[in-house]
Amino acid sequence: MAASRLPPATLTLKQFLRRQQVLLLYRRILQAIRQVPNDSDRKYLKDWAREEFKRNKSATEEASPTTEAQDLREANGIVTTTGVRGISVRERSSDL
Protein backbone atom coordinates (compact mmCIF):
# COMPACT_ATOMS: atom_id res chain seq x y z
CA MET A 1 0.00 0.00 0.00
CA ALA A 2 1.36 3.44 -0.91
CA ALA A 3 2.14 5.93 1.81
CA SER A 4 -0.09 8.97 2.11
CA ARG A 5 1.25 12.18 0.61
CA LEU A 6 -0.44 14.25 3.33
CA PRO A 7 1.76 15.56 6.15
CA PRO A 8 1.22 13.76 9.46
CA ALA A 9 -0.24 16.89 11.11
CA THR A 10 -3.08 17.19 8.57
CA LEU A 11 -6.53 17.27 10.15
CA THR A 12 -9.16 14.76 9.15
CA LEU A 13 -12.38 16.16 7.71
CA LYS A 14 -14.16 15.51 11.00
CA GLN A 15 -11.41 17.30 12.97
CA PHE A 16 -11.44 20.23 10.55
CA LEU A 17 -15.22 20.62 10.83
CA ARG A 18 -15.10 20.38 14.64
CA ARG A 19 -12.37 23.06 14.68
CA GLN A 20 -14.56 25.33 12.57
CA GLN A 21 -17.47 24.81 14.99
CA VAL A 22 -15.26 25.68 17.96
CA LEU A 23 -13.99 28.85 16.27
CA LEU A 24 -17.57 29.88 15.43
CA LEU A 25 -18.61 29.30 19.04
CA TYR A 26 -15.68 31.42 20.27
CA ARG A 27 -16.63 34.26 17.90
CA ARG A 28 -20.27 34.14 19.01
CA ILE A 29 -19.26 34.22 22.67
CA LEU A 30 -17.07 37.27 22.06
CA GLN A 31 -19.90 38.98 20.14
CA ALA A 32 -22.28 38.35 23.04
CA ILE A 33 -19.71 39.66 25.54
CA ARG A 34 -19.40 42.90 23.55
CA GLN A 35 -23.03 43.61 24.44
CA VAL A 36 -22.34 43.59 28.19
CA PRO A 37 -22.67 47.21 29.31
CA ASN A 38 -20.25 47.24 32.26
CA ASP A 39 -16.58 47.53 31.22
CA SER A 40 -15.19 45.53 34.13
CA ASP A 41 -17.73 42.72 33.62
CA ARG A 42 -16.96 42.68 29.90
CA LYS A 43 -13.22 42.38 30.58
CA TYR A 44 -13.81 39.64 33.17
CA LEU A 45 -15.98 37.61 30.77
CA LYS A 46 -13.56 38.08 27.88
CA ASP A 47 -10.62 36.92 30.01
CA TRP A 48 -12.65 33.98 31.29
CA ALA A 49 -13.63 32.87 27.77
CA ARG A 50 -10.07 33.23 26.50
CA GLU A 51 -8.65 31.18 29.40
CA GLU A 52 -11.27 28.44 29.02
CA PHE A 53 -10.53 28.05 25.33
CA LYS A 54 -6.77 28.06 25.98
CA ARG A 55 -7.21 25.49 28.76
CA ASN A 56 -9.09 23.16 26.42
CA LYS A 57 -6.96 23.85 23.35
CA SER A 58 -5.37 20.41 23.36
CA ALA A 59 -8.62 18.52 23.96
CA THR A 60 -8.92 15.71 21.46
CA GLU A 61 -12.08 13.99 22.68
CA GLU A 62 -14.21 13.00 19.72
CA ALA A 63 -17.88 13.75 19.66
CA SER A 64 -20.16 11.31 21.42
CA PRO A 65 -22.89 9.52 19.44
CA THR A 66 -25.42 11.89 21.04
CA THR A 67 -23.50 14.92 19.80
CA GLU A 68 -23.19 13.42 16.33
CA ALA A 69 -26.94 12.77 16.25
CA GLN A 70 -27.52 16.42 17.25
CA ASP A 71 -25.18 17.53 14.45
CA LEU A 72 -27.16 15.46 11.94
CA ARG A 73 -30.48 16.95 13.10
CA GLU A 74 -29.01 20.45 12.73
CA ALA A 75 -27.66 19.63 9.27
CA ASN A 76 -31.07 18.37 8.20
CA GLY A 77 -32.79 21.49 9.50
CA ILE A 78 -34.73 19.71 12.24
CA VAL A 79 -32.97 21.66 14.98
CA THR A 80 -31.29 25.00 14.50
CA THR A 81 -28.82 26.86 16.60
CA THR A 82 -29.05 30.61 16.50
CA GLY A 83 -26.02 31.52 18.56
CA VAL A 84 -25.33 32.52 22.12
CA ARG A 85 -28.23 34.31 23.75
CA GLY A 86 -29.34 35.27 27.19
CA ILE A 87 -25.98 35.78 28.84
CA SER A 88 -26.61 37.41 32.16
CA VAL A 89 -23.91 38.94 34.28
CA ARG A 90 -24.14 38.09 37.95
CA GLU A 91 -22.56 40.22 40.60
CA ARG A 92 -19.16 38.92 41.55
CA SER A 93 -18.34 38.70 45.19
CA SER A 94 -15.62 41.07 46.33
CA ASP A 95 -13.64 38.26 48.01
CA LEU A 96 -12.40 36.86 44.67
PDB file of N, CA and C in Angstrom:
ATOM      1  N   MET A   1       0.850  -1.173   0.000  1.00  0.00           N
ATOM      2  CA  MET A   1       0.000   0.000   0.000  1.00  0.00           C
ATOM      3  C   MET A   1       0.896   1.236   0.000  1.00  0.00           C
ATOM      4  N   ALA A   2       0.557   2.221  -0.794  1.00  0.00           N
ATOM      5  CA  ALA A   2       1.357   3.438  -0.915  1.00  0.00           C
ATOM      6  C   ALA A   2       1.159   4.325   0.306  1.00  0.00           C
ATOM      7  N   ALA A   3       2.212   5.006   0.674  1.00  0.00           N
ATOM      8  CA  ALA A   3       2.144   5.928   1.806  1.00  0.00           C
ATOM      9  C   ALA A   3       1.356   7.175   1.400  1.00  0.00           C
ATOM     10  N   SER A   4       0.682   7.755   2.365  1.00  0.00           N
ATOM     11  CA  SER A   4      -0.086   8.969   2.115  1.00  0.00           C
ATOM     12  C   SER A   4       0.852  10.135   1.834  1.00  0.00           C
ATOM     13  N   ARG A   5       0.445  11.002   0.924  1.00  0.00           N
ATOM     14  CA  ARG A   5       1.247  12.177   0.610  1.00  0.00           C
ATOM     15  C   ARG A   5       0.918  13.346   1.528  1.00  0.00           C
ATOM     16  N   LEU A   6      -0.066  13.189   2.405  1.00  0.00           N
ATOM     17  CA  LEU A   6      -0.437  14.247   3.327  1.00  0.00           C
ATOM     18  C   LEU A   6       0.546  14.299   4.493  1.00  0.00           C
ATOM     19  N   PRO A   7       0.887  15.480   4.974  1.00  0.00           N
ATOM     20  CA  PRO A   7       1.760  15.564   6.146  1.00  0.00           C
ATOM     21  C   PRO A   7       1.069  14.939   7.355  1.00  0.00           C
ATOM     22  N   PRO A   8       1.829  14.430   8.308  1.00  0.00           N
ATOM     23  CA  PRO A   8       1.218  13.756   9.463  1.00  0.00           C
ATOM     24  C   PRO A   8       0.340  14.667  10.311  1.00  0.00           C
ATOM     25  N   ALA A   9       0.545  15.972  10.285  1.00  0.00           N
ATOM     26  CA  ALA A   9      -0.240  16.891  11.106  1.00  0.00           C
ATOM     27  C   ALA A   9      -1.537  17.335  10.427  1.00  0.00           C
ATOM     28  N   THR A  10      -1.865  16.805   9.273  1.00  0.00           N
ATOM     29  CA  THR A  10      -3.083  17.194   8.567  1.00  0.00           C
ATOM     30  C   THR A  10      -4.312  16.719   9.329  1.00  0.00           C
ATOM     31  N   LEU A  11      -5.299  17.608   9.457  1.00  0.00           N
ATOM     32  CA  LEU A  11      -6.533  17.266  10.151  1.00  0.00           C
ATOM     33  C   LEU A  11      -7.419  16.409   9.261  1.00  0.00           C
ATOM     34  N   THR A  12      -8.149  15.504   9.886  1.00  0.00           N
ATOM     35  CA  THR A  12      -9.160  14.763   9.146  1.00  0.00           C
ATOM     36  C   THR A  12     -10.321  15.717   8.872  1.00  0.00           C
ATOM     37  N   LEU A  13     -11.216  15.328   8.004  1.00  0.00           N
ATOM     38  CA  LEU A  13     -12.378  16.162   7.706  1.00  0.00           C
ATOM     39  C   LEU A  13     -13.194  16.418   8.972  1.00  0.00           C
ATOM     40  N   LYS A  14     -13.387  15.377   9.763  1.00  0.00           N
ATOM     41  CA  LYS A  14     -14.157  15.511  10.998  1.00  0.00           C
ATOM     42  C   LYS A  14     -13.481  16.484  11.972  1.00  0.00           C
ATOM     43  N   GLN A  15     -12.149  16.391  12.099  1.00  0.00           N
ATOM     44  CA  GLN A  15     -11.411  17.296  12.972  1.00  0.00           C
ATOM     45  C   GLN A  15     -11.488  18.733  12.453  1.00  0.00           C
ATOM     46  N   PHE A  16     -11.373  18.900  11.148  1.00  0.00           N
ATOM     47  CA  PHE A  16     -11.444  20.229  10.545  1.00  0.00           C
ATOM     48  C   PHE A  16     -12.804  20.863  10.802  1.00  0.00           C
ATOM     49  N   LEU A  17     -13.867  20.099  10.611  1.00  0.00           N
ATOM     50  CA  LEU A  17     -15.218  20.624  10.825  1.00  0.00           C
ATOM     51  C   LEU A  17     -15.448  20.965  12.294  1.00  0.00           C
ATOM     52  N   ARG A  18     -14.948  20.117  13.204  1.00  0.00           N
ATOM     53  CA  ARG A  18     -15.095  20.384  14.636  1.00  0.00           C
ATOM     54  C   ARG A  18     -14.344  21.661  15.012  1.00  0.00           C
ATOM     55  N   ARG A  19     -13.160  21.850  14.419  1.00  0.00           N
ATOM     56  CA  ARG A  19     -12.370  23.057  14.677  1.00  0.00           C
ATOM     57  C   ARG A  19     -13.136  24.297  14.224  1.00  0.00           C
ATOM     58  N   GLN A  20     -13.776  24.210  13.070  1.00  0.00           N
ATOM     59  CA  GLN A  20     -14.564  25.331  12.573  1.00  0.00           C
ATOM     60  C   GLN A  20     -15.732  25.644  13.508  1.00  0.00           C
ATOM     61  N   GLN A  21     -16.361  24.613  14.057  1.00  0.00           N
ATOM     62  CA  GLN A  21     -17.466  24.806  14.988  1.00  0.00           C
ATOM     63  C   GLN A  21     -16.985  25.500  16.264  1.00  0.00           C
ATOM     64  N   VAL A  22     -15.819  25.086  16.751  1.00  0.00           N
ATOM     65  CA  VAL A  22     -15.264  25.682  17.963  1.00  0.00           C
ATOM     66  C   VAL A  22     -14.931  27.152  17.719  1.00  0.00           C
ATOM     67  N   LEU A  23     -14.323  27.457  16.585  1.00  0.00           N
ATOM     68  CA  LEU A  23     -13.994  28.849  16.266  1.00  0.00           C
ATOM     69  C   LEU A  23     -15.258  29.702  16.150  1.00  0.00           C
ATOM     70  N   LEU A  24     -16.307  29.153  15.545  1.00  0.00           N
ATOM     71  CA  LEU A  24     -17.572  29.879  15.430  1.00  0.00           C
ATOM     72  C   LEU A  24     -18.170  30.134  16.813  1.00  0.00           C
ATOM     73  N   LEU A  25     -18.108  29.140  17.684  1.00  0.00           N
ATOM     74  CA  LEU A  25     -18.607  29.304  19.043  1.00  0.00           C
ATOM     75  C   LEU A  25     -17.836  30.404  19.763  1.00  0.00           C
ATOM     76  N   TYR A  26     -16.515  30.410  19.625  1.00  0.00           N
ATOM     77  CA  TYR A  26     -15.678  31.425  20.268  1.00  0.00           C
ATOM     78  C   TYR A  26     -16.059  32.828  19.771  1.00  0.00           C
ATOM     79  N   ARG A  27     -16.242  32.962  18.466  1.00  0.00           N
ATOM     80  CA  ARG A  27     -16.633  34.263  17.905  1.00  0.00           C
ATOM     81  C   ARG A  27     -17.993  34.718  18.437  1.00  0.00           C
ATOM     82  N   ARG A  28     -18.932  33.793  18.517  1.00  0.00           N
ATOM     83  CA  ARG A  28     -20.270  34.137  19.010  1.00  0.00           C
ATOM     84  C   ARG A  28     -20.232  34.540  20.480  1.00  0.00           C
ATOM     85  N   ILE A  29     -19.401  33.865  21.257  1.00  0.00           N
ATOM     86  CA  ILE A  29     -19.263  34.222  22.667  1.00  0.00           C
ATOM     87  C   ILE A  29     -18.701  35.628  22.790  1.00  0.00           C
ATOM     88  N   LEU A  30     -17.653  35.931  22.005  1.00  0.00           N
ATOM     89  CA  LEU A  30     -17.068  37.270  22.061  1.00  0.00           C
ATOM     90  C   LEU A  30     -18.065  38.336  21.603  1.00  0.00           C
ATOM     91  N   GLN A  31     -18.881  38.026  20.590  1.00  0.00           N
ATOM     92  CA  GLN A  31     -19.901  38.976  20.142  1.00  0.00           C
ATOM     93  C   GLN A  31     -20.925  39.235  21.247  1.00  0.00           C
ATOM     94  N   ALA A  32     -21.314  38.190  21.956  1.00  0.00           N
ATOM     95  CA  ALA A  32     -22.280  38.353  23.045  1.00  0.00           C
ATOM     96  C   ALA A  32     -21.662  39.154  24.191  1.00  0.00           C
ATOM     97  N   ILE A  33     -20.393  38.928  24.458  1.00  0.00           N
ATOM     98  CA  ILE A  33     -19.714  39.655  25.539  1.00  0.00           C
ATOM     99  C   ILE A  33     -19.626  41.135  25.215  1.00  0.00           C
ATOM    100  N   ARG A  34     -19.465  41.483  23.944  1.00  0.00           N
ATOM    101  CA  ARG A  34     -19.399  42.898  23.550  1.00  0.00           C
ATOM    102  C   ARG A  34     -20.664  43.663  23.905  1.00  0.00           C
ATOM    103  N   GLN A  35     -21.764  42.953  24.109  1.00  0.00           N
ATOM    104  CA  GLN A  35     -23.030  43.611  24.437  1.00  0.00           C
ATOM    105  C   GLN A  35     -23.196  43.873  25.930  1.00  0.00           C
ATOM    106  N   VAL A  36     -22.273  43.367  26.750  1.00  0.00           N
ATOM    107  CA  VAL A  36     -22.341  43.593  28.195  1.00  0.00           C
ATOM    108  C   VAL A  36     -22.007  45.060  28.465  1.00  0.00           C
ATOM    109  N   PRO A  37     -22.877  45.776  29.161  1.00  0.00           N
ATOM    110  CA  PRO A  37     -22.670  47.213  29.312  1.00  0.00           C
ATOM    111  C   PRO A  37     -21.519  47.616  30.239  1.00  0.00           C
ATOM    112  N   ASN A  38     -21.270  46.875  31.277  1.00  0.00           N
ATOM    113  CA  ASN A  38     -20.248  47.238  32.255  1.00  0.00           C
ATOM    114  C   ASN A  38     -18.857  46.832  31.758  1.00  0.00           C
ATOM    115  N   ASP A  39     -17.925  47.793  31.731  1.00  0.00           N
ATOM    116  CA  ASP A  39     -16.575  47.527  31.217  1.00  0.00           C
ATOM    117  C   ASP A  39     -15.838  46.458  32.010  1.00  0.00           C
ATOM    118  N   SER A  40     -15.920  46.510  33.321  1.00  0.00           N
ATOM    119  CA  SER A  40     -15.186  45.529  34.128  1.00  0.00           C
ATOM    120  C   SER A  40     -15.776  44.126  33.959  1.00  0.00           C
ATOM    121  N   ASP A  41     -17.097  44.030  33.862  1.00  0.00           N
ATOM    122  CA  ASP A  41     -17.726  42.724  33.622  1.00  0.00           C
ATOM    123  C   ASP A  41     -17.341  42.187  32.240  1.00  0.00           C
ATOM    124  N   ARG A  42     -17.332  43.078  31.259  1.00  0.00           N
ATOM    125  CA  ARG A  42     -16.964  42.675  29.898  1.00  0.00           C
ATOM    126  C   ARG A  42     -15.536  42.140  29.861  1.00  0.00           C
ATOM    127  N   LYS A  43     -14.609  42.830  30.540  1.00  0.00           N
ATOM    128  CA  LYS A  43     -13.219  42.380  30.583  1.00  0.00           C
ATOM    129  C   LYS A  43     -13.109  41.034  31.301  1.00  0.00           C
ATOM    130  N   TYR A  44     -13.832  40.895  32.417  1.00  0.00           N
ATOM    131  CA  TYR A  44     -13.812  39.637  33.168  1.00  0.00           C
ATOM    132  C   TYR A  44     -14.303  38.474  32.295  1.00  0.00           C
ATOM    133  N   LEU A  45     -15.426  38.670  31.601  1.00  0.00           N
ATOM    134  CA  LEU A  45     -15.981  37.609  30.767  1.00  0.00           C
ATOM    135  C   LEU A  45     -15.062  37.281  29.585  1.00  0.00           C
ATOM    136  N   LYS A  46     -14.473  38.293  28.999  1.00  0.00           N
ATOM    137  CA  LYS A  46     -13.563  38.081  27.877  1.00  0.00           C
ATOM    138  C   LYS A  46     -12.336  37.289  28.322  1.00  0.00           C
ATOM    139  N   ASP A  47     -11.764  37.656  29.470  1.00  0.00           N
ATOM    140  CA  ASP A  47     -10.616  36.921  30.008  1.00  0.00           C
ATOM    141  C   ASP A  47     -10.996  35.491  30.355  1.00  0.00           C
ATOM    142  N   TRP A  48     -12.197  35.325  30.932  1.00  0.00           N
ATOM    143  CA  TRP A  48     -12.650  33.982  31.289  1.00  0.00           C
ATOM    144  C   TRP A  48     -12.793  33.111  30.042  1.00  0.00           C
ATOM    145  N   ALA A  49     -13.435  33.645  29.004  1.00  0.00           N
ATOM    146  CA  ALA A  49     -13.632  32.871  27.773  1.00  0.00           C
ATOM    147  C   ALA A  49     -12.290  32.503  27.150  1.00  0.00           C
ATOM    148  N   ARG A  50     -11.384  33.471  27.081  1.00  0.00           N
ATOM    149  CA  ARG A  50     -10.069  33.225  26.499  1.00  0.00           C
ATOM    150  C   ARG A  50      -9.324  32.123  27.262  1.00  0.00           C
ATOM    151  N   GLU A  51      -9.345  32.192  28.591  1.00  0.00           N
ATOM    152  CA  GLU A  51      -8.649  31.185  29.403  1.00  0.00           C
ATOM    153  C   GLU A  51      -9.276  29.793  29.256  1.00  0.00           C
ATOM    154  N   GLU A  52     -10.602  29.734  29.187  1.00  0.00           N
ATOM    155  CA  GLU A  52     -11.266  28.439  29.023  1.00  0.00           C
ATOM    156  C   GLU A  52     -10.912  27.799  27.681  1.00  0.00           C
ATOM    157  N   PHE A  53     -10.885  28.605  26.633  1.00  0.00           N
ATOM    158  CA  PHE A  53     -10.533  28.048  25.329  1.00  0.00           C
ATOM    159  C   PHE A  53      -9.059  27.641  25.287  1.00  0.00           C
ATOM    160  N   LYS A  54      -8.190  28.430  25.918  1.00  0.00           N
ATOM    161  CA  LYS A  54      -6.768  28.060  25.983  1.00  0.00           C
ATOM    162  C   LYS A  54      -6.589  26.775  26.777  1.00  0.00           C
ATOM    163  N   ARG A  55      -7.324  26.668  27.899  1.00  0.00           N
ATOM    164  CA  ARG A  55      -7.207  25.486  28.761  1.00  0.00           C
ATOM    165  C   ARG A  55      -7.628  24.216  28.024  1.00  0.00           C
ATOM    166  N   ASN A  56      -8.586  24.330  27.143  1.00  0.00           N
ATOM    167  CA  ASN A  56      -9.091  23.163  26.421  1.00  0.00           C
ATOM    168  C   ASN A  56      -8.539  23.052  25.003  1.00  0.00           C
ATOM    169  N   LYS A  57      -7.514  23.821  24.699  1.00  0.00           N
ATOM    170  CA  LYS A  57      -6.956  23.855  23.347  1.00  0.00           C
ATOM    171  C   LYS A  57      -6.489  22.483  22.872  1.00  0.00           C
ATOM    172  N   SER A  58      -5.915  21.706  23.764  1.00  0.00           N
ATOM    173  CA  SER A  58      -5.366  20.410  23.357  1.00  0.00           C
ATOM    174  C   SER A  58      -6.369  19.266  23.508  1.00  0.00           C
ATOM    175  N   ALA A  59      -7.609  19.566  23.812  1.00  0.00           N
ATOM    176  CA  ALA A  59      -8.625  18.517  23.963  1.00  0.00           C
ATOM    177  C   ALA A  59      -8.812  17.801  22.631  1.00  0.00           C
ATOM    178  N   THR A  60      -8.793  16.493  22.682  1.00  0.00           N
ATOM    179  CA  THR A  60      -8.924  15.707  21.459  1.00  0.00           C
ATOM    180  C   THR A  60     -10.111  14.758  21.515  1.00  0.00           C
ATOM    181  N   GLU A  61     -10.940  14.890  22.528  1.00  0.00           N
ATOM    182  CA  GLU A  61     -12.082  13.994  22.679  1.00  0.00           C
ATOM    183  C   GLU A  61     -13.007  14.124  21.476  1.00  0.00           C
ATOM    184  N   GLU A  62     -13.297  13.000  20.867  1.00  0.00           N
ATOM    185  CA  GLU A  62     -14.209  13.001  19.720  1.00  0.00           C
ATOM    186  C   GLU A  62     -15.632  13.164  20.206  1.00  0.00           C
ATOM    187  N   ALA A  63     -16.482  13.549  19.325  1.00  0.00           N
ATOM    188  CA  ALA A  63     -17.885  13.752  19.660  1.00  0.00           C
ATOM    189  C   ALA A  63     -18.531  12.428  20.047  1.00  0.00           C
ATOM    190  N   SER A  64     -19.432  12.494  21.003  1.00  0.00           N
ATOM    191  CA  SER A  64     -20.159  11.307  21.419  1.00  0.00           C
ATOM    192  C   SER A  64     -21.252  11.022  20.379  1.00  0.00           C
ATOM    193  N   PRO A  65     -21.800   9.819  20.386  1.00  0.00           N
ATOM    194  CA  PRO A  65     -22.891   9.516  19.444  1.00  0.00           C
ATOM    195  C   PRO A  65     -24.071  10.483  19.591  1.00  0.00           C
ATOM    196  N   THR A  66     -24.337  10.933  20.822  1.00  0.00           N
ATOM    197  CA  THR A  66     -25.421  11.887  21.042  1.00  0.00           C
ATOM    198  C   THR A  66     -25.125  13.197  20.331  1.00  0.00           C
ATOM    199  N   THR A  67     -23.885  13.678  20.449  1.00  0.00           N
ATOM    200  CA  THR A  67     -23.496  14.924  19.798  1.00  0.00           C
ATOM    201  C   THR A  67     -23.567  14.783  18.286  1.00  0.00           C
ATOM    202  N   GLU A  68     -23.129  13.638  17.765  1.00  0.00           N
ATOM    203  CA  GLU A  68     -23.189  13.422  16.327  1.00  0.00           C
ATOM    204  C   GLU A  68     -24.630  13.387  15.841  1.00  0.00           C
ATOM    205  N   ALA A  69     -25.523  12.801  16.624  1.00  0.00           N
ATOM    206  CA  ALA A  69     -26.938  12.774  16.252  1.00  0.00           C
ATOM    207  C   ALA A  69     -27.497  14.199  16.237  1.00  0.00           C
ATOM    208  N   GLN A  70     -27.089  15.018  17.213  1.00  0.00           N
ATOM    209  CA  GLN A  70     -27.521  16.415  17.249  1.00  0.00           C
ATOM    210  C   GLN A  70     -27.013  17.151  16.012  1.00  0.00           C
ATOM    211  N   ASP A  71     -25.755  16.908  15.637  1.00  0.00           N
ATOM    212  CA  ASP A  71     -25.184  17.533  14.448  1.00  0.00           C
ATOM    213  C   ASP A  71     -25.973  17.162  13.198  1.00  0.00           C
ATOM    214  N   LEU A  72     -26.386  15.898  13.098  1.00  0.00           N
ATOM    215  CA  LEU A  72     -27.160  15.457  11.942  1.00  0.00           C
ATOM    216  C   LEU A  72     -28.522  16.139  11.898  1.00  0.00           C
ATOM    217  N   ARG A  73     -29.177  16.266  13.055  1.00  0.00           N
ATOM    218  CA  ARG A  73     -30.475  16.947  13.098  1.00  0.00           C
ATOM    219  C   ARG A  73     -30.329  18.403  12.664  1.00  0.00           C
ATOM    220  N   GLU A  74     -29.251  19.064  13.123  1.00  0.00           N
ATOM    221  CA  GLU A  74     -29.013  20.451  12.731  1.00  0.00           C
ATOM    222  C   GLU A  74     -28.759  20.550  11.234  1.00  0.00           C
ATOM    223  N   ALA A  75     -27.981  19.615  10.695  1.00  0.00           N
ATOM    224  CA  ALA A  75     -27.655  19.632   9.271  1.00  0.00           C
ATOM    225  C   ALA A  75     -28.902  19.420   8.420  1.00  0.00           C
ATOM    226  N   ASN A  76     -29.843  18.641   8.930  1.00  0.00           N
ATOM    227  CA  ASN A  76     -31.070  18.373   8.196  1.00  0.00           C
ATOM    228  C   ASN A  76     -32.151  19.410   8.456  1.00  0.00           C
ATOM    229  N   GLY A  77     -31.840  20.424   9.249  1.00  0.00           N
ATOM    230  CA  GLY A  77     -32.790  21.492   9.504  1.00  0.00           C
ATOM    231  C   GLY A  77     -33.857  21.178  10.525  1.00  0.00           C
ATOM    232  N   ILE A  78     -33.731  20.059  11.230  1.00  0.00           N
ATOM    233  CA  ILE A  78     -34.726  19.708  12.239  1.00  0.00           C
ATOM    234  C   ILE A  78     -34.548  20.584  13.471  1.00  0.00           C
ATOM    235  N   VAL A  79     -33.297  20.820  13.843  1.00  0.00           N
ATOM    236  CA  VAL A  79     -32.966  21.660  14.982  1.00  0.00           C
ATOM    237  C   VAL A  79     -32.019  22.729  14.478  1.00  0.00           C
ATOM    238  N   THR A  80     -32.210  23.946  14.915  1.00  0.00           N
ATOM    239  CA  THR A  80     -31.287  24.997  14.497  1.00  0.00           C
ATOM    240  C   THR A  80     -30.680  25.651  15.719  1.00  0.00           C
ATOM    241  N   THR A  81     -29.467  26.091  15.552  1.00  0.00           N
ATOM    242  CA  THR A  81     -28.825  26.865  16.603  1.00  0.00           C
ATOM    243  C   THR A  81     -28.707  28.284  16.094  1.00  0.00           C
ATOM    244  N   THR A  82     -29.053  29.216  16.935  1.00  0.00           N
ATOM    245  CA  THR A  82     -29.051  30.612  16.504  1.00  0.00           C
ATOM    246  C   THR A  82     -27.947  31.417  17.159  1.00  0.00           C
ATOM    247  N   GLY A  83     -27.114  30.782  17.940  1.00  0.00           N
ATOM    248  CA  GLY A  83     -26.020  31.518  18.559  1.00  0.00           C
ATOM    249  C   GLY A  83     -26.180  31.591  20.063  1.00  0.00           C
ATOM    250  N   VAL A  84     -25.326  32.359  20.670  1.00  0.00           N
ATOM    251  CA  VAL A  84     -25.328  32.519  22.115  1.00  0.00           C
ATOM    252  C   VAL A  84     -26.301  33.631  22.471  1.00  0.00           C
ATOM    253  N   ARG A  85     -27.233  33.319  23.339  1.00  0.00           N
ATOM    254  CA  ARG A  85     -28.226  34.308  23.754  1.00  0.00           C
ATOM    255  C   ARG A  85     -28.427  34.221  25.254  1.00  0.00           C
ATOM    256  N   GLY A  86     -28.921  35.277  25.789  1.00  0.00           N
ATOM    257  CA  GLY A  86     -29.338  35.272  27.187  1.00  0.00           C
ATOM    258  C   GLY A  86     -28.203  35.198  28.183  1.00  0.00           C
ATOM    259  N   ILE A  87     -27.055  35.765  27.860  1.00  0.00           N
ATOM    260  CA  ILE A  87     -25.979  35.784  28.837  1.00  0.00           C
ATOM    261  C   ILE A  87     -26.322  36.847  29.856  1.00  0.00           C
ATOM    262  N   SER A  88     -26.351  36.443  31.108  1.00  0.00           N
ATOM    263  CA  SER A  88     -26.610  37.413  32.156  1.00  0.00           C
ATOM    264  C   SER A  88     -25.369  37.525  33.029  1.00  0.00           C
ATOM    265  N   VAL A  89     -25.094  38.701  33.457  1.00  0.00           N
ATOM    266  CA  VAL A  89     -23.914  38.945  34.284  1.00  0.00           C
ATOM    267  C   VAL A  89     -24.372  38.996  35.726  1.00  0.00           C
ATOM    268  N   ARG A  90     -23.817  38.097  36.519  1.00  0.00           N
ATOM    269  CA  ARG A  90     -24.141  38.094  37.954  1.00  0.00           C
ATOM    270  C   ARG A  90     -23.098  38.933  38.672  1.00  0.00           C
ATOM    271  N   GLU A  91     -23.501  39.454  39.780  1.00  0.00           N
ATOM    272  CA  GLU A  91     -22.562  40.225  40.596  1.00  0.00           C
ATOM    273  C   GLU A  91     -21.492  39.286  41.132  1.00  0.00           C
ATOM    274  N   ARG A  92     -20.255  39.719  40.998  1.00  0.00           N
ATOM    275  CA  ARG A  92     -19.157  38.922  41.546  1.00  0.00           C
ATOM    276  C   ARG A  92     -18.953  39.337  42.985  1.00  0.00           C
ATOM    277  N   SER A  93     -18.608  38.356  43.792  1.00  0.00           N
ATOM    278  CA  SER A  93     -18.344  38.703  45.190  1.00  0.00           C
ATOM    279  C   SER A  93     -16.990  39.397  45.276  1.00  0.00           C
ATOM    280  N   SER A  94     -16.843  40.291  46.219  1.00  0.00           N
ATOM    281  CA  SER A  94     -15.619  41.074  46.334  1.00  0.00           C
ATOM    282  C   SER A  94     -14.463  40.284  46.923  1.00  0.00           C
ATOM    283  N   ASP A  95     -14.718  39.049  47.405  1.00  0.00           N
ATOM    284  CA  ASP A  95     -13.645  38.263  48.006  1.00  0.00           C
ATOM    285  C   ASP A  95     -12.898  37.412  46.977  1.00  0.00           C
ATOM    286  N   LEU A  96     -13.121  37.605  45.695  1.00  0.00           N
ATOM    287  CA  LEU A  96     -12.400  36.858  44.666  1.00  0.00           C
ATOM    288  C   LEU A  96     -10.991  37.337  44.508  1.00  0.00           C
TER     289      LEU A  96
END
